[in-house]
Amino acid sequence: VRIQAGDLPNLKLPAYRRTPPTPTGRPK
């Protein structure tokens, strides 16, 4: 609420990105 009102700065964190999916099947 305070961030939206401008009373508190937001964290400047990198956006969360999901790790790429692992390939299906057995590894070679």
mmCIF file of all heavy atoms, coordinates in Angstrom:
data_MODEL
# 
_entry.id   MODEL 
# 
loop_
_atom_site.group_PDB 
_atom_site.id 
_atom_site.type_symbol 
_atom_site.label_atom_id 
_atom_site.label_alt_id 
_atom_site.label_comp_id 
_atom_site.label_asym_id 
_atom_site.label_entity_id 
_atom_site.label_seq_id 
_atom_site.pdbx_PDB_ins_code 
_atom_site.Cartn_x 
_atom_site.Cartn_y 
_atom_site.Cartn_z 
_atom_site.occupancy 
_atom_site.B_iso_or_equiv 
_atom_site.pdbx_formal_charge 
_atom_site.auth_seq_id 
_atom_site.auth_comp_id 
_atom_site.auth_asym_id 
_atom_site.auth_atom_id 
_atom_site.pdbx_PDB_model_num 
ATOM 1   N N   . VAL A 1 1  ? 0.851  -1.208  0.000   1.00 0.00 ? 1  VAL A N   1 
ATOM 2   C CA  . VAL A 1 1  ? 0.000  0.000   0.000   1.00 0.00 ? 1  VAL A CA  1 
ATOM 3   C C   . VAL A 1 1  ? 0.878  1.246   0.000   1.00 0.00 ? 1  VAL A C   1 
ATOM 4   O O   . VAL A 1 1  ? 0.633  2.191   -0.745  1.00 0.00 ? 1  VAL A O   1 
ATOM 5   C CB  . VAL A 1 1  ? -0.963 -0.023  1.211   1.00 0.00 ? 1  VAL A CB  1 
ATOM 6   C CG1 . VAL A 1 1  ? -1.639 1.324   1.410   1.00 0.00 ? 1  VAL A CG1 1 
ATOM 7   C CG2 . VAL A 1 1  ? -2.000 -1.124  1.050   1.00 0.00 ? 1  VAL A CG2 1 
ATOM 8   N N   . ARG A 1 2  ? 1.924  1.242   0.831   1.00 0.00 ? 2  ARG A N   1 
ATOM 9   C CA  . ARG A 1 2  ? 2.830  2.394   0.908   1.00 0.00 ? 2  ARG A CA  1 
ATOM 10  C C   . ARG A 1 2  ? 3.600  2.601   -0.402  1.00 0.00 ? 2  ARG A C   1 
ATOM 11  O O   . ARG A 1 2  ? 3.849  3.733   -0.807  1.00 0.00 ? 2  ARG A O   1 
ATOM 12  C CB  . ARG A 1 2  ? 3.793  2.226   2.086   1.00 0.00 ? 2  ARG A CB  1 
ATOM 13  C CG  . ARG A 1 2  ? 3.103  2.338   3.433   1.00 0.00 ? 2  ARG A CG  1 
ATOM 14  C CD  . ARG A 1 2  ? 4.050  2.127   4.602   1.00 0.00 ? 2  ARG A CD  1 
ATOM 15  N NE  . ARG A 1 2  ? 5.165  3.067   4.530   1.00 0.00 ? 2  ARG A NE  1 
ATOM 16  C CZ  . ARG A 1 2  ? 6.373  2.809   5.026   1.00 0.00 ? 2  ARG A CZ  1 
ATOM 17  N NH1 . ARG A 1 2  ? 6.626  1.655   5.609   1.00 0.00 ? 2  ARG A NH1 1 
ATOM 18  N NH2 . ARG A 1 2  ? 7.326  3.702   4.936   1.00 0.00 ? 2  ARG A NH2 1 
ATOM 19  N N   . ILE A 1 3  ? 3.979  1.507   -1.059  1.00 0.00 ? 3  ILE A N   1 
ATOM 20  C CA  . ILE A 1 3  ? 4.674  1.616   -2.350  1.00 0.00 ? 3  ILE A CA  1 
ATOM 21  C C   . ILE A 1 3  ? 3.745  2.248   -3.379  1.00 0.00 ? 3  ILE A C   1 
ATOM 22  O O   . ILE A 1 3  ? 4.127  3.169   -4.106  1.00 0.00 ? 3  ILE A O   1 
ATOM 23  C CB  . ILE A 1 3  ? 5.182  0.238   -2.821  1.00 0.00 ? 3  ILE A CB  1 
ATOM 24  C CG1 . ILE A 1 3  ? 6.356  -0.215  -1.943  1.00 0.00 ? 3  ILE A CG1 1 
ATOM 25  C CG2 . ILE A 1 3  ? 5.595  0.275   -4.295  1.00 0.00 ? 3  ILE A CG2 1 
ATOM 26  C CD1 . ILE A 1 3  ? 6.751  -1.679  -2.134  1.00 0.00 ? 3  ILE A CD1 1 
ATOM 27  N N   . GLN A 1 4  ? 2.502  1.765   -3.435  1.00 0.00 ? 4  GLN A N   1 
ATOM 28  C CA  . GLN A 1 4  ? 1.540  2.307   -4.400  1.00 0.00 ? 4  GLN A CA  1 
ATOM 29  C C   . GLN A 1 4  ? 1.245  3.774   -4.121  1.00 0.00 ? 4  GLN A C   1 
ATOM 30  O O   . GLN A 1 4  ? 1.022  4.549   -5.043  1.00 0.00 ? 4  GLN A O   1 
ATOM 31  C CB  . GLN A 1 4  ? 0.257  1.493   -4.377  1.00 0.00 ? 4  GLN A CB  1 
ATOM 32  C CG  . GLN A 1 4  ? 0.434  0.115   -4.990  1.00 0.00 ? 4  GLN A CG  1 
ATOM 33  C CD  . GLN A 1 4  ? -0.800 -0.757  -4.861  1.00 0.00 ? 4  GLN A CD  1 
ATOM 34  O OE1 . GLN A 1 4  ? -1.678 -0.498  -4.048  1.00 0.00 ? 4  GLN A OE1 1 
ATOM 35  N NE2 . GLN A 1 4  ? -0.856 -1.807  -5.665  1.00 0.00 ? 4  GLN A NE2 1 
ATOM 36  N N   . ALA A 1 5  ? 1.268  4.174   -2.838  1.00 0.00 ? 5  ALA A N   1 
ATOM 37  C CA  . ALA A 1 5  ? 1.005  5.565   -2.474  1.00 0.00 ? 5  ALA A CA  1 
ATOM 38  C C   . ALA A 1 5  ? 2.232  6.450   -2.670  1.00 0.00 ? 5  ALA A C   1 
ATOM 39  O O   . ALA A 1 5  ? 2.140  7.675   -2.552  1.00 0.00 ? 5  ALA A O   1 
ATOM 40  C CB  . ALA A 1 5  ? 0.538  5.637   -1.015  1.00 0.00 ? 5  ALA A CB  1 
ATOM 41  N N   . GLY A 1 6  ? 3.385  5.859   -2.936  1.00 0.00 ? 6  GLY A N   1 
ATOM 42  C CA  . GLY A 1 6  ? 4.603  6.637   -3.119  1.00 0.00 ? 6  GLY A CA  1 
ATOM 43  C C   . GLY A 1 6  ? 5.324  6.960   -1.828  1.00 0.00 ? 6  GLY A C   1 
ATOM 44  O O   . GLY A 1 6  ? 6.269  7.753   -1.827  1.00 0.00 ? 6  GLY A O   1 
ATOM 45  N N   . ASP A 1 7  ? 4.920  6.353   -0.719  1.00 0.00 ? 7  ASP A N   1 
ATOM 46  C CA  . ASP A 1 7  ? 5.551  6.605   0.581   1.00 0.00 ? 7  ASP A CA  1 
ATOM 47  C C   . ASP A 1 7  ? 6.751  5.700   0.849   1.00 0.00 ? 7  ASP A C   1 
ATOM 48  O O   . ASP A 1 7  ? 7.472  5.905   1.822   1.00 0.00 ? 7  ASP A O   1 
ATOM 49  C CB  . ASP A 1 7  ? 4.544  6.395   1.718   1.00 0.00 ? 7  ASP A CB  1 
ATOM 50  C CG  . ASP A 1 7  ? 3.404  7.390   1.674   1.00 0.00 ? 7  ASP A CG  1 
ATOM 51  O OD1 . ASP A 1 7  ? 3.590  8.495   1.123   1.00 0.00 ? 7  ASP A OD1 1 
ATOM 52  O OD2 . ASP A 1 7  ? 2.321  7.063   2.195   1.00 0.00 ? 7  ASP A OD2 1 
ATOM 53  N N   . LEU A 1 8  ? 6.927  4.678   0.019   1.00 0.00 ? 8  LEU A N   1 
ATOM 54  C CA  . LEU A 1 8  ? 7.999  3.706   0.208   1.00 0.00 ? 8  LEU A CA  1 
ATOM 55  C C   . LEU A 1 8  ? 8.510  3.313   -1.173  1.00 0.00 ? 8  LEU A C   1 
ATOM 56  O O   . LEU A 1 8  ? 7.716  2.980   -2.052  1.00 0.00 ? 8  LEU A O   1 
ATOM 57  C CB  . LEU A 1 8  ? 7.446  2.466   0.948   1.00 0.00 ? 8  LEU A CB  1 
ATOM 58  C CG  . LEU A 1 8  ? 8.396  1.314   1.234   1.00 0.00 ? 8  LEU A CG  1 
ATOM 59  C CD1 . LEU A 1 8  ? 9.434  1.718   2.288   1.00 0.00 ? 8  LEU A CD1 1 
ATOM 60  C CD2 . LEU A 1 8  ? 7.611  0.101   1.738   1.00 0.00 ? 8  LEU A CD2 1 
ATOM 61  N N   . PRO A 1 9  ? 9.836  3.359   -1.378  1.00 0.00 ? 9  PRO A N   1 
ATOM 62  C CA  . PRO A 1 9  ? 10.329 2.941   -2.695  1.00 0.00 ? 9  PRO A CA  1 
ATOM 63  C C   . PRO A 1 9  ? 10.184 1.431   -2.856  1.00 0.00 ? 9  PRO A C   1 
ATOM 64  O O   . PRO A 1 9  ? 10.222 0.681   -1.879  1.00 0.00 ? 9  PRO A O   1 
ATOM 65  C CB  . PRO A 1 9  ? 11.806 3.351   -2.661  1.00 0.00 ? 9  PRO A CB  1 
ATOM 66  C CG  . PRO A 1 9  ? 12.168 3.366   -1.215  1.00 0.00 ? 9  PRO A CG  1 
ATOM 67  C CD  . PRO A 1 9  ? 10.914 3.760   -0.481  1.00 0.00 ? 9  PRO A CD  1 
ATOM 68  N N   . ASN A 1 10 ? 10.019 1.002   -4.087  1.00 0.00 ? 10 ASN A N   1 
ATOM 69  C CA  . ASN A 1 10 ? 9.938  -0.428  -4.355  1.00 0.00 ? 10 ASN A CA  1 
ATOM 70  C C   . ASN A 1 10 ? 11.346 -1.006  -4.407  1.00 0.00 ? 10 ASN A C   1 
ATOM 71  O O   . ASN A 1 10 ? 12.317 -0.281  -4.657  1.00 0.00 ? 10 ASN A O   1 
ATOM 72  C CB  . ASN A 1 10 ? 9.214  -0.682  -5.678  1.00 0.00 ? 10 ASN A CB  1 
ATOM 73  C CG  . ASN A 1 10 ? 8.634  -2.079  -5.764  1.00 0.00 ? 10 ASN A CG  1 
ATOM 74  O OD1 . ASN A 1 10 ? 8.898  -2.941  -4.921  1.00 0.00 ? 10 ASN A OD1 1 
ATOM 75  N ND2 . ASN A 1 10 ? 7.837  -2.312  -6.786  1.00 0.00 ? 10 ASN A ND2 1 
ATOM 76  N N   . LEU A 1 11 ? 11.478 -2.290  -4.166  1.00 0.00 ? 11 LEU A N   1 
ATOM 77  C CA  . LEU A 1 11 ? 12.762 -2.960  -4.332  1.00 0.00 ? 11 LEU A CA  1 
ATOM 78  C C   . LEU A 1 11 ? 13.135 -2.941  -5.812  1.00 0.00 ? 11 LEU A C   1 
ATOM 79  O O   . LEU A 1 11 ? 12.269 -3.030  -6.681  1.00 0.00 ? 11 LEU A O   1 
ATOM 80  C CB  . LEU A 1 11 ? 12.657 -4.418  -3.866  1.00 0.00 ? 11 LEU A CB  1 
ATOM 81  C CG  . LEU A 1 11 ? 12.507 -4.649  -2.373  1.00 0.00 ? 11 LEU A CG  1 
ATOM 82  C CD1 . LEU A 1 11 ? 12.221 -6.112  -2.103  1.00 0.00 ? 11 LEU A CD1 1 
ATOM 83  C CD2 . LEU A 1 11 ? 13.745 -4.204  -1.623  1.00 0.00 ? 11 LEU A CD2 1 
ATOM 84  N N   . LYS A 1 12 ? 14.406 -2.824  -6.084  1.00 0.00 ? 12 LYS A N   1 
ATOM 85  C CA  . LYS A 1 12 ? 14.892 -2.856  -7.465  1.00 0.00 ? 12 LYS A CA  1 
ATOM 86  C C   . LYS A 1 12 ? 15.569 -4.196  -7.697  1.00 0.00 ? 12 LYS A C   1 
ATOM 87  O O   . LYS A 1 12 ? 16.781 -4.290  -7.823  1.00 0.00 ? 12 LYS A O   1 
ATOM 88  C CB  . LYS A 1 12 ? 15.872 -1.709  -7.702  1.00 0.00 ? 12 LYS A CB  1 
ATOM 89  C CG  . LYS A 1 12 ? 15.249 -0.339  -7.585  1.00 0.00 ? 12 LYS A CG  1 
ATOM 90  C CD  . LYS A 1 12 ? 16.291 0.744   -7.792  1.00 0.00 ? 12 LYS A CD  1 
ATOM 91  C CE  . LYS A 1 12 ? 15.695 2.111   -7.613  1.00 0.00 ? 12 LYS A CE  1 
ATOM 92  N NZ  . LYS A 1 12 ? 16.727 3.162   -7.695  1.00 0.00 ? 12 LYS A NZ  1 
ATOM 93  N N   . LEU A 1 13 ? 14.756 -5.239  -7.728  1.00 0.00 ? 13 LEU A N   1 
ATOM 94  C CA  . LEU A 1 13 ? 15.274 -6.582  -7.907  1.00 0.00 ? 13 LEU A CA  1 
ATOM 95  C C   . LEU A 1 13 ? 15.089 -7.023  -9.347  1.00 0.00 ? 13 LEU A C   1 
ATOM 96  O O   . LEU A 1 13 ? 14.140 -6.603  -10.010 1.00 0.00 ? 13 LEU A O   1 
ATOM 97  C CB  . LEU A 1 13 ? 14.548 -7.567  -6.990  1.00 0.00 ? 13 LEU A CB  1 
ATOM 98  C CG  . LEU A 1 13 ? 14.659 -7.296  -5.491  1.00 0.00 ? 13 LEU A CG  1 
ATOM 99  C CD1 . LEU A 1 13 ? 13.884 -8.341  -4.721  1.00 0.00 ? 13 LEU A CD1 1 
ATOM 100 C CD2 . LEU A 1 13 ? 16.110 -7.285  -5.062  1.00 0.00 ? 13 LEU A CD2 1 
ATOM 101 N N   . PRO A 1 14 ? 15.970 -7.881  -9.841  1.00 0.00 ? 14 PRO A N   1 
ATOM 102 C CA  . PRO A 1 14 ? 15.782 -8.381  -11.199 1.00 0.00 ? 14 PRO A CA  1 
ATOM 103 C C   . PRO A 1 14 ? 14.496 -9.194  -11.282 1.00 0.00 ? 14 PRO A C   1 
ATOM 104 O O   . PRO A 1 14 ? 14.078 -9.822  -10.304 1.00 0.00 ? 14 PRO A O   1 
ATOM 105 C CB  . PRO A 1 14 ? 17.006 -9.268  -11.445 1.00 0.00 ? 14 PRO A CB  1 
ATOM 106 C CG  . PRO A 1 14 ? 17.661 -9.453  -10.138 1.00 0.00 ? 14 PRO A CG  1 
ATOM 107 C CD  . PRO A 1 14 ? 17.146 -8.424  -9.189  1.00 0.00 ? 14 PRO A CD  1 
ATOM 108 N N   . ALA A 1 15 ? 13.876 -9.164  -12.445 1.00 0.00 ? 15 ALA A N   1 
ATOM 109 C CA  . ALA A 1 15 ? 12.652 -9.935  -12.637 1.00 0.00 ? 15 ALA A CA  1 
ATOM 110 C C   . ALA A 1 15 ? 12.969 -11.415 -12.511 1.00 0.00 ? 15 ALA A C   1 
ATOM 111 O O   . ALA A 1 15 ? 14.031 -11.866 -12.922 1.00 0.00 ? 15 ALA A O   1 
ATOM 112 C CB  . ALA A 1 15 ? 12.055 -9.635  -14.008 1.00 0.00 ? 15 ALA A CB  1 
ATOM 113 N N   . TYR A 1 16 ? 12.050 -12.142 -11.935 1.00 0.00 ? 16 TYR A N   1 
ATOM 114 C CA  . TYR A 1 16 ? 12.236 -13.580 -11.787 1.00 0.00 ? 16 TYR A CA  1 
ATOM 115 C C   . TYR A 1 16 ? 11.987 -14.243 -13.127 1.00 0.00 ? 16 TYR A C   1 
ATOM 116 O O   . TYR A 1 16 ? 10.965 -14.018 -13.760 1.00 0.00 ? 16 TYR A O   1 
ATOM 117 C CB  . TYR A 1 16 ? 11.281 -14.137 -10.732 1.00 0.00 ? 16 TYR A CB  1 
ATOM 118 C CG  . TYR A 1 16 ? 11.410 -15.627 -10.545 1.00 0.00 ? 16 TYR A CG  1 
ATOM 119 C CD1 . TYR A 1 16 ? 12.493 -16.157 -9.868  1.00 0.00 ? 16 TYR A CD1 1 
ATOM 120 C CD2 . TYR A 1 16 ? 10.465 -16.502 -11.065 1.00 0.00 ? 16 TYR A CD2 1 
ATOM 121 C CE1 . TYR A 1 16 ? 12.634 -17.515 -9.697  1.00 0.00 ? 16 TYR A CE1 1 
ATOM 122 C CE2 . TYR A 1 16 ? 10.605 -17.867 -10.901 1.00 0.00 ? 16 TYR A CE2 1 
ATOM 123 C CZ  . TYR A 1 16 ? 11.693 -18.369 -10.215 1.00 0.00 ? 16 TYR A CZ  1 
ATOM 124 O OH  . TYR A 1 16 ? 11.824 -19.713 -10.064 1.00 0.00 ? 16 TYR A OH  1 
ATOM 125 N N   . ARG A 1 17 ? 12.918 -15.028 -13.556 1.00 0.00 ? 17 ARG A N   1 
ATOM 126 C CA  . ARG A 1 17 ? 12.755 -15.779 -14.800 1.00 0.00 ? 17 ARG A CA  1 
ATOM 127 C C   . ARG A 1 17 ? 12.864 -17.250 -14.463 1.00 0.00 ? 17 ARG A C   1 
ATOM 128 O O   . ARG A 1 17 ? 13.769 -17.661 -13.745 1.00 0.00 ? 17 ARG A O   1 
ATOM 129 C CB  . ARG A 1 17 ? 13.833 -15.394 -15.804 1.00 0.00 ? 17 ARG A CB  1 
ATOM 130 C CG  . ARG A 1 17 ? 13.655 -13.974 -16.285 1.00 0.00 ? 17 ARG A CG  1 
ATOM 131 C CD  . ARG A 1 17 ? 14.545 -13.716 -17.488 1.00 0.00 ? 17 ARG A CD  1 
ATOM 132 N NE  . ARG A 1 17 ? 14.275 -12.420 -18.041 1.00 0.00 ? 17 ARG A NE  1 
ATOM 133 C CZ  . ARG A 1 17 ? 14.816 -11.289 -17.612 1.00 0.00 ? 17 ARG A CZ  1 
ATOM 134 N NH1 . ARG A 1 17 ? 15.637 -11.305 -16.610 1.00 0.00 ? 17 ARG A NH1 1 
ATOM 135 N NH2 . ARG A 1 17 ? 14.529 -10.141 -18.187 1.00 0.00 ? 17 ARG A NH2 1 
ATOM 136 N N   . ARG A 1 18 ? 11.960 -17.990 -14.992 1.00 0.00 ? 18 ARG A N   1 
ATOM 137 C CA  . ARG A 1 18 ? 11.990 -19.429 -14.757 1.00 0.00 ? 18 ARG A CA  1 
ATOM 138 C C   . ARG A 1 18 ? 13.162 -20.037 -15.499 1.00 0.00 ? 18 ARG A C   1 
ATOM 139 O O   . ARG A 1 18 ? 13.526 -19.589 -16.576 1.00 0.00 ? 18 ARG A O   1 
ATOM 140 C CB  . ARG A 1 18 ? 10.689 -20.067 -15.225 1.00 0.00 ? 18 ARG A CB  1 
ATOM 141 C CG  . ARG A 1 18 ? 9.528  -19.657 -14.344 1.00 0.00 ? 18 ARG A CG  1 
ATOM 142 C CD  . ARG A 1 18 ? 8.229  -20.186 -14.802 1.00 0.00 ? 18 ARG A CD  1 
ATOM 143 N NE  . ARG A 1 18 ? 8.339  -21.586 -15.216 1.00 0.00 ? 18 ARG A NE  1 
ATOM 144 C CZ  . ARG A 1 18 ? 7.316  -22.312 -15.586 1.00 0.00 ? 18 ARG A CZ  1 
ATOM 145 N NH1 . ARG A 1 18 ? 6.116  -21.795 -15.615 1.00 0.00 ? 18 ARG A NH1 1 
ATOM 146 N NH2 . ARG A 1 18 ? 7.468  -23.569 -15.952 1.00 0.00 ? 18 ARG A NH2 1 
ATOM 147 N N   . THR A 1 19 ? 13.705 -21.082 -14.935 1.00 0.00 ? 19 THR A N   1 
ATOM 148 C CA  . THR A 1 19 ? 14.779 -21.787 -15.611 1.00 0.00 ? 19 THR A CA  1 
ATOM 149 C C   . THR A 1 19 ? 14.200 -22.527 -16.808 1.00 0.00 ? 19 THR A C   1 
ATOM 150 O O   . THR A 1 19 ? 13.034 -22.916 -16.787 1.00 0.00 ? 19 THR A O   1 
ATOM 151 C CB  . THR A 1 19 ? 15.467 -22.782 -14.675 1.00 0.00 ? 19 THR A CB  1 
ATOM 152 O OG1 . THR A 1 19 ? 14.481 -23.679 -14.157 1.00 0.00 ? 19 THR A OG1 1 
ATOM 153 C CG2 . THR A 1 19 ? 16.159 -22.079 -13.536 1.00 0.00 ? 19 THR A CG2 1 
ATOM 154 N N   . PRO A 1 20 ? 14.973 -22.717 -17.851 1.00 0.00 ? 20 PRO A N   1 
ATOM 155 C CA  . PRO A 1 20 ? 14.431 -23.405 -19.024 1.00 0.00 ? 20 PRO A CA  1 
ATOM 156 C C   . PRO A 1 20 ? 14.071 -24.846 -18.674 1.00 0.00 ? 20 PRO A C   1 
ATOM 157 O O   . PRO A 1 20 ? 14.694 -25.451 -17.803 1.00 0.00 ? 20 PRO A O   1 
ATOM 158 C CB  . PRO A 1 20 ? 15.569 -23.349 -20.040 1.00 0.00 ? 20 PRO A CB  1 
ATOM 159 C CG  . PRO A 1 20 ? 16.779 -22.940 -19.291 1.00 0.00 ? 20 PRO A CG  1 
ATOM 160 C CD  . PRO A 1 20 ? 16.345 -22.302 -18.022 1.00 0.00 ? 20 PRO A CD  1 
ATOM 161 N N   . PRO A 1 21 ? 13.078 -25.373 -19.346 1.00 0.00 ? 21 PRO A N   1 
ATOM 162 C CA  . PRO A 1 21 ? 12.690 -26.757 -19.046 1.00 0.00 ? 21 PRO A CA  1 
ATOM 163 C C   . PRO A 1 21 ? 13.801 -27.715 -19.447 1.00 0.00 ? 21 PRO A C   1 
ATOM 164 O O   . PRO A 1 21 ? 14.574 -27.447 -20.368 1.00 0.00 ? 21 PRO A O   1 
ATOM 165 C CB  . PRO A 1 21 ? 11.433 -26.980 -19.891 1.00 0.00 ? 21 PRO A CB  1 
ATOM 166 C CG  . PRO A 1 21 ? 11.494 -25.941 -20.949 1.00 0.00 ? 21 PRO A CG  1 
ATOM 167 C CD  . PRO A 1 21 ? 12.277 -24.784 -20.389 1.00 0.00 ? 21 PRO A CD  1 
ATOM 168 N N   . THR A 1 22 ? 13.878 -28.800 -18.723 1.00 0.00 ? 22 THR A N   1 
ATOM 169 C CA  . THR A 1 22 ? 14.884 -29.801 -19.052 1.00 0.00 ? 22 THR A CA  1 
ATOM 170 C C   . THR A 1 22 ? 14.398 -30.612 -20.251 1.00 0.00 ? 22 THR A C   1 
ATOM 171 O O   . THR A 1 22 ? 13.200 -30.812 -20.422 1.00 0.00 ? 22 THR A O   1 
ATOM 172 C CB  . THR A 1 22 ? 15.154 -30.736 -17.863 1.00 0.00 ? 22 THR A CB  1 
ATOM 173 O OG1 . THR A 1 22 ? 13.915 -31.319 -17.478 1.00 0.00 ? 22 THR A OG1 1 
ATOM 174 C CG2 . THR A 1 22 ? 15.744 -29.994 -16.700 1.00 0.00 ? 22 THR A CG2 1 
ATOM 175 N N   . PRO A 1 23 ? 15.323 -31.065 -21.073 1.00 0.00 ? 23 PRO A N   1 
ATOM 176 C CA  . PRO A 1 23 ? 14.902 -31.856 -22.226 1.00 0.00 ? 23 PRO A CA  1 
ATOM 177 C C   . PRO A 1 23 ? 14.256 -33.168 -21.754 1.00 0.00 ? 23 PRO A C   1 
ATOM 178 O O   . PRO A 1 23 ? 14.595 -33.700 -20.717 1.00 0.00 ? 23 PRO A O   1 
ATOM 179 C CB  . PRO A 1 23 ? 16.189 -32.117 -22.987 1.00 0.00 ? 23 PRO A CB  1 
ATOM 180 C CG  . PRO A 1 23 ? 17.299 -31.561 -22.191 1.00 0.00 ? 23 PRO A CG  1 
ATOM 181 C CD  . PRO A 1 23 ? 16.737 -30.867 -20.997 1.00 0.00 ? 23 PRO A CD  1 
ATOM 182 N N   . THR A 1 24 ? 13.327 -33.645 -22.545 1.00 0.00 ? 24 THR A N   1 
ATOM 183 C CA  . THR A 1 24 ? 12.663 -34.899 -22.198 1.00 0.00 ? 24 THR A CA  1 
ATOM 184 C C   . THR A 1 24 ? 13.512 -36.064 -22.678 1.00 0.00 ? 24 THR A C   1 
ATOM 185 O O   . THR A 1 24 ? 14.356 -35.927 -23.567 1.00 0.00 ? 24 THR A O   1 
ATOM 186 C CB  . THR A 1 24 ? 11.262 -34.965 -22.814 1.00 0.00 ? 24 THR A CB  1 
ATOM 187 O OG1 . THR A 1 24 ? 11.388 -34.798 -24.217 1.00 0.00 ? 24 THR A OG1 1 
ATOM 188 C CG2 . THR A 1 24 ? 10.365 -33.891 -22.240 1.00 0.00 ? 24 THR A CG2 1 
ATOM 189 N N   . GLY A 1 25 ? 13.272 -37.188 -22.102 1.00 0.00 ? 25 GLY A N   1 
ATOM 190 C CA  . GLY A 1 25 ? 14.028 -38.380 -22.480 1.00 0.00 ? 25 GLY A CA  1 
ATOM 191 C C   . GLY A 1 25 ? 15.295 -38.513 -21.666 1.00 0.00 ? 25 GLY A C   1 
ATOM 192 O O   . GLY A 1 25 ? 15.575 -37.719 -20.769 1.00 0.00 ? 25 GLY A O   1 
ATOM 193 N N   . ARG A 1 26 ? 16.042 -39.517 -21.977 1.00 0.00 ? 26 ARG A N   1 
ATOM 194 C CA  . ARG A 1 26 ? 17.278 -39.779 -21.247 1.00 0.00 ? 26 ARG A CA  1 
ATOM 195 C C   . ARG A 1 26 ? 18.393 -38.924 -21.793 1.00 0.00 ? 26 ARG A C   1 
ATOM 196 O O   . ARG A 1 26 ? 18.474 -38.673 -22.995 1.00 0.00 ? 26 ARG A O   1 
ATOM 197 C CB  . ARG A 1 26 ? 17.631 -41.247 -21.381 1.00 0.00 ? 26 ARG A CB  1 
ATOM 198 C CG  . ARG A 1 26 ? 16.586 -42.150 -20.761 1.00 0.00 ? 26 ARG A CG  1 
ATOM 199 C CD  . ARG A 1 26 ? 16.985 -43.569 -20.893 1.00 0.00 ? 26 ARG A CD  1 
ATOM 200 N NE  . ARG A 1 26 ? 18.279 -43.729 -20.217 1.00 0.00 ? 26 ARG A NE  1 
ATOM 201 C CZ  . ARG A 1 26 ? 18.646 -44.812 -19.579 1.00 0.00 ? 26 ARG A CZ  1 
ATOM 202 N NH1 . ARG A 1 26 ? 17.845 -45.840 -19.533 1.00 0.00 ? 26 ARG A NH1 1 
ATOM 203 N NH2 . ARG A 1 26 ? 19.810 -44.891 -19.001 1.00 0.00 ? 26 ARG A NH2 1 
ATOM 204 N N   . PRO A 1 27 ? 19.298 -38.479 -20.913 1.00 0.00 ? 27 PRO A N   1 
ATOM 205 C CA  . PRO A 1 27 ? 20.445 -37.710 -21.412 1.00 0.00 ? 27 PRO A CA  1 
ATOM 206 C C   . PRO A 1 27 ? 21.367 -38.605 -22.238 1.00 0.00 ? 27 PRO A C   1 
ATOM 207 O O   . PRO A 1 27 ? 21.457 -39.810 -22.008 1.00 0.00 ? 27 PRO A O   1 
ATOM 208 C CB  . PRO A 1 27 ? 21.140 -37.226 -20.133 1.00 0.00 ? 27 PRO A CB  1 
ATOM 209 C CG  . PRO A 1 27 ? 20.695 -38.156 -19.074 1.00 0.00 ? 27 PRO A CG  1 
ATOM 210 C CD  . PRO A 1 27 ? 19.322 -38.653 -19.473 1.00 0.00 ? 27 PRO A CD  1 
ATOM 211 N N   . LYS A 1 28 ? 22.012 -38.026 -23.206 1.00 0.00 ? 28 LYS A N   1 
ATOM 212 C CA  . LYS A 1 28 ? 22.946 -38.773 -24.058 1.00 0.00 ? 28 LYS A CA  1 
ATOM 213 C C   . LYS A 1 28 ? 24.339 -38.672 -23.447 1.00 0.00 ? 28 LYS A C   1 
ATOM 214 O O   . LYS A 1 28 ? 25.047 -37.682 -23.647 1.00 0.00 ? 28 LYS A O   1 
ATOM 215 C CB  . LYS A 1 28 ? 22.926 -38.223 -25.475 1.00 0.00 ? 28 LYS A CB  1 
ATOM 216 C CG  . LYS A 1 28 ? 21.578 -38.393 -26.130 1.00 0.00 ? 28 LYS A CG  1 
ATOM 217 C CD  . LYS A 1 28 ? 21.558 -37.777 -27.505 1.00 0.00 ? 28 LYS A CD  1 
ATOM 218 C CE  . LYS A 1 28 ? 20.148 -37.920 -28.068 1.00 0.00 ? 28 LYS A CE  1 
ATOM 219 N NZ  . LYS A 1 28 ? 19.960 -37.215 -29.298 1.00 0.00 ? 28 LYS A NZ  1 
# 
